[in-house]
Protein backbone atom coordinates (compact mmCIF):
# COMPACT_ATOMS: atom_id res chain seq x y z
CA ARG A 1 0.26 -0.05 -0.16
CA ARG A 2 1.46 3.39 -0.94
CA VAL A 3 -0.46 5.65 1.09
CA LEU A 4 -0.84 5.43 4.72
CA THR A 5 -3.39 7.12 6.88
CA PRO A 6 -2.49 10.18 9.14
CA GLU A 7 -3.39 7.83 12.24
CA GLU A 8 -1.54 5.20 11.10
CA VAL A 9 1.69 7.17 11.28
CA ARG A 10 1.20 8.60 14.45
CA ALA A 11 0.62 5.48 16.15
CA ASP A 12 3.66 4.41 14.41
CA LEU A 13 5.67 6.95 16.27
CA HIS A 14 4.18 6.29 19.57
CA PHE A 15 5.61 3.19 19.04
CA LEU A 16 9.02 4.03 17.97
CA GLN A 17 9.08 6.38 20.59
CA ALA A 18 7.79 4.00 23.21
CA ALA A 19 10.40 1.31 22.03
CA LEU A 20 13.63 4.06 21.89
CA TYR A 21 12.56 4.80 25.32
CA ARG A 22 11.93 1.32 26.85
CA GLY A 23 15.09 -0.68 25.23
CA HIS A 24 17.61 1.59 24.16
CA PRO A 25 20.84 2.17 26.64
CA GLY A 26 21.45 5.55 25.21
CA VAL A 27 18.41 7.16 23.98
CA PHE A 28 18.82 10.54 25.93
CA LYS A 29 22.33 10.86 25.91
CA TYR A 30 22.82 13.42 22.96
CA THR A 31 19.16 14.68 23.34
CA PRO A 32 17.40 15.04 26.51
CA ARG A 33 14.34 13.65 27.28
CA ASP A 34 12.25 16.74 27.04
CA SER A 35 13.81 17.78 23.80
CA MET A 36 12.99 14.57 22.28
CA ASP A 37 8.97 14.49 23.77
CA ALA A 38 8.87 17.61 22.06
CA PHE A 39 10.65 16.57 18.55
CA PHE A 40 8.40 13.18 17.96
CA GLN A 41 5.50 15.70 19.32
CA LYS A 42 6.44 17.99 16.22
CA LEU A 43 6.76 15.27 13.94
CA ARG A 44 3.29 14.03 14.94
CA ASP A 45 1.46 17.75 14.72
CA ARG A 46 3.05 18.04 11.37
CA LEU A 47 1.62 15.23 9.86
CA PRO A 48 -0.40 16.01 6.26
CA ALA A 49 -4.35 15.87 7.29
CA ASP A 50 -5.18 14.17 4.83
CA SER A 51 -2.79 11.05 3.71
CA VAL A 52 0.71 10.46 3.75
CA THR A 53 2.30 9.04 1.36
CA ARG A 54 5.39 5.58 2.44
CA ASN A 55 8.10 7.71 1.01
CA GLN A 56 6.76 10.39 3.62
CA ALA A 57 6.58 8.52 6.42
CA GLN A 58 9.85 5.98 5.77
CA LEU A 59 11.60 10.02 6.11
CA ILE A 60 9.44 11.12 9.12
CA ILE A 61 10.63 7.64 10.37
CA ARG A 62 14.47 8.40 9.69
CA LEU A 63 14.26 11.87 11.05
CA ALA A 64 12.93 10.59 14.32
CA VAL A 65 15.49 7.87 14.34
CA ALA A 66 18.28 10.24 13.47
CA ASN A 67 17.41 12.30 16.44
CA VAL A 68 18.76 9.93 18.97
CA ARG A 69 22.34 10.73 17.67
CA ASP A 70 23.48 6.97 17.83
CA GLY A 71 25.31 5.49 15.21
CA HIS A 72 24.36 1.87 16.31
CA THR A 73 20.29 2.83 15.79
CA SER A 74 19.14 2.81 12.04
CA VAL A 75 16.30 2.43 10.06
CA GLU A 76 17.06 0.52 6.55
CA THR A 77 14.61 2.00 3.71
CA PRO A 78 13.81 -0.74 0.87
CA PHE A 79 16.04 -0.42 -1.80
CA TYR A 80 13.65 -1.55 -4.54
CA ASP A 81 10.14 -2.14 -4.46
CA ASP A 82 7.97 -3.19 -6.85
CA ASN A 83 7.49 0.28 -8.93
CA THR A 84 10.51 2.10 -8.22
CA GLU A 85 14.32 1.92 -8.66
CA VAL A 86 16.81 3.78 -6.74
CA LEU A 87 19.63 4.98 -8.44
CA PRO A 88 22.07 2.82 -9.90
CA LEU A 89 24.89 5.29 -8.72
CA THR A 90 27.46 4.35 -5.71
CA VAL A 91 28.13 7.87 -4.60
CA GLN A 92 31.07 9.51 -1.95
CA VAL A 93 29.93 12.27 -0.42
CA ILE A 94 32.94 14.78 0.25
CA GLY A 95 32.30 18.50 2.23
CA GLY A 96 29.24 19.79 -0.08
CA LYS A 97 29.90 17.29 -2.88
CA ALA A 98 28.89 13.93 -4.37
CA PHE A 99 31.61 11.62 -6.43
CA ILE A 100 30.79 8.71 -8.36
CA ILE A 101 32.25 5.73 -7.27
CA LYS A 102 30.34 2.93 -9.60
CA ASP A 103 28.13 2.95 -11.98
CA TYR A 104 25.49 -0.13 -11.73
CA ALA A 105 23.48 1.14 -15.23
CA GLY A 106 26.15 0.21 -17.89
CA ASP A 107 30.37 0.66 -17.93
CA THR A 108 31.46 0.96 -14.32
CA LEU A 109 34.38 3.18 -14.93
CA ALA A 110 32.75 5.41 -17.79
CA TRP A 111 31.32 8.26 -14.83
CA ARG A 112 33.74 6.96 -11.81
CA GLY A 113 35.07 10.34 -10.13
CA ALA A 114 33.02 12.64 -11.78
CA GLU A 115 30.74 15.35 -9.68
CA ILE A 116 27.18 14.91 -9.77
CA ARG A 117 25.85 18.27 -9.94
CA ALA A 118 22.64 17.36 -10.32
CA VAL A 119 19.61 14.92 -10.78
CA ASN A 120 16.50 15.32 -12.46
CA GLY A 121 17.29 19.25 -11.81
CA ILE A 122 17.36 18.78 -7.95
CA LEU A 123 20.73 20.09 -6.93
CA ALA A 124 23.28 17.86 -5.37
CA GLY A 125 24.36 19.77 -2.74
CA ASN A 126 20.41 19.78 -1.61
CA VAL A 127 19.93 15.68 -1.76
CA ILE A 128 23.62 16.00 0.49
CA VAL A 129 21.92 18.57 3.17
CA ILE A 130 18.60 16.73 3.57
CA GLY A 131 20.57 13.35 4.16
CA ARG A 132 22.75 14.57 6.70
CA LEU A 133 19.87 15.76 8.43
CA ILE A 134 18.35 12.38 8.26
CA ALA A 135 21.73 10.57 8.50
CA PHE A 136 22.49 8.13 12.06
CA GLY A 137 25.34 9.67 13.04
CA ASP A 138 27.42 9.43 16.57
CA GLY A 139 26.67 12.23 18.50
CA TYR A 140 27.82 15.19 16.69
CA SER A 141 30.43 13.67 14.39
CA ASP A 142 30.72 15.42 10.91
CA PRO A 143 32.59 12.61 9.35
CA PHE A 144 30.74 9.80 10.65
CA ARG A 145 27.21 11.78 8.83
CA ASP A 146 29.06 12.08 5.76
CA VAL A 147 29.51 8.22 5.17
CA SER A 148 25.38 7.67 5.98
CA ALA A 149 25.16 10.47 3.48
CA SER A 150 26.68 8.85 0.91
CA VAL A 151 25.88 5.41 1.69
CA PHE A 152 22.14 6.06 1.40
CA PHE A 153 22.49 8.89 -1.06
CA ALA A 154 20.43 7.01 -3.92
CA ARG A 155 18.33 5.61 -1.14
CA ASN A 156 17.85 9.25 0.17
CA PHE A 157 16.90 10.41 -3.32
CA ARG A 158 14.58 8.13 -3.73
CA LEU A 159 12.63 9.04 -0.48
CA LEU A 160 12.55 12.68 -1.09
CA PHE A 161 12.21 12.77 -4.81
CA GLY A 162 11.31 9.53 -6.34
CA THR A 163 13.16 7.89 -8.91
CA PRO A 164 11.58 7.19 -12.25
CA LYS A 165 12.87 4.69 -14.76
CA GLU A 166 15.30 7.51 -16.52
CA ASN A 167 16.80 10.23 -14.99
CA ARG A 168 18.70 12.63 -16.17
CA VAL A 169 22.56 13.52 -14.05
CA GLU A 170 24.19 16.54 -14.39
CA LEU A 171 27.98 15.63 -14.06
CA VAL A 172 31.56 17.93 -13.43
CA TRP A 173 34.28 15.58 -14.59
CA PRO A 174 37.52 15.42 -13.06
CA ASP A 175 39.07 17.31 -16.13
CA GLY A 176 36.91 20.53 -15.37
């Protein structure tokens, strides 16, 4: 099912919050309980009134878990589903830029080292910024968030913007 009711997502958030509070030994190490309570409430309050797509729900859950700031606490999102594919790329994020390590769509060396400027008109920098927000990091470690933003670049793009069968990728080649 591609659409959930706001009540279903609220129930999922209540379940997640209770599970984290009950079972996570360091849930309040980086985010105090009152701040965590307020964050979960803000997520519940800002749900759309009519329906929530599955991608939106996954993003909301990732935001909640990322707020724990524990690299050992994460939520995996599907790499593929029946109707959607992720970008067939492995990416390395360095600073505010994304570089192609591997292309799974064809010649694996053709794009290696190229910087992704944009995908389908969406700037790679925007995907990186949001990716860091939903990244599972240890404390306030930026390098760990870059690793997560790299590993999940294609999945984050799918969650945020969807991924059609064909994509337009704007690149900057290593030689300029």
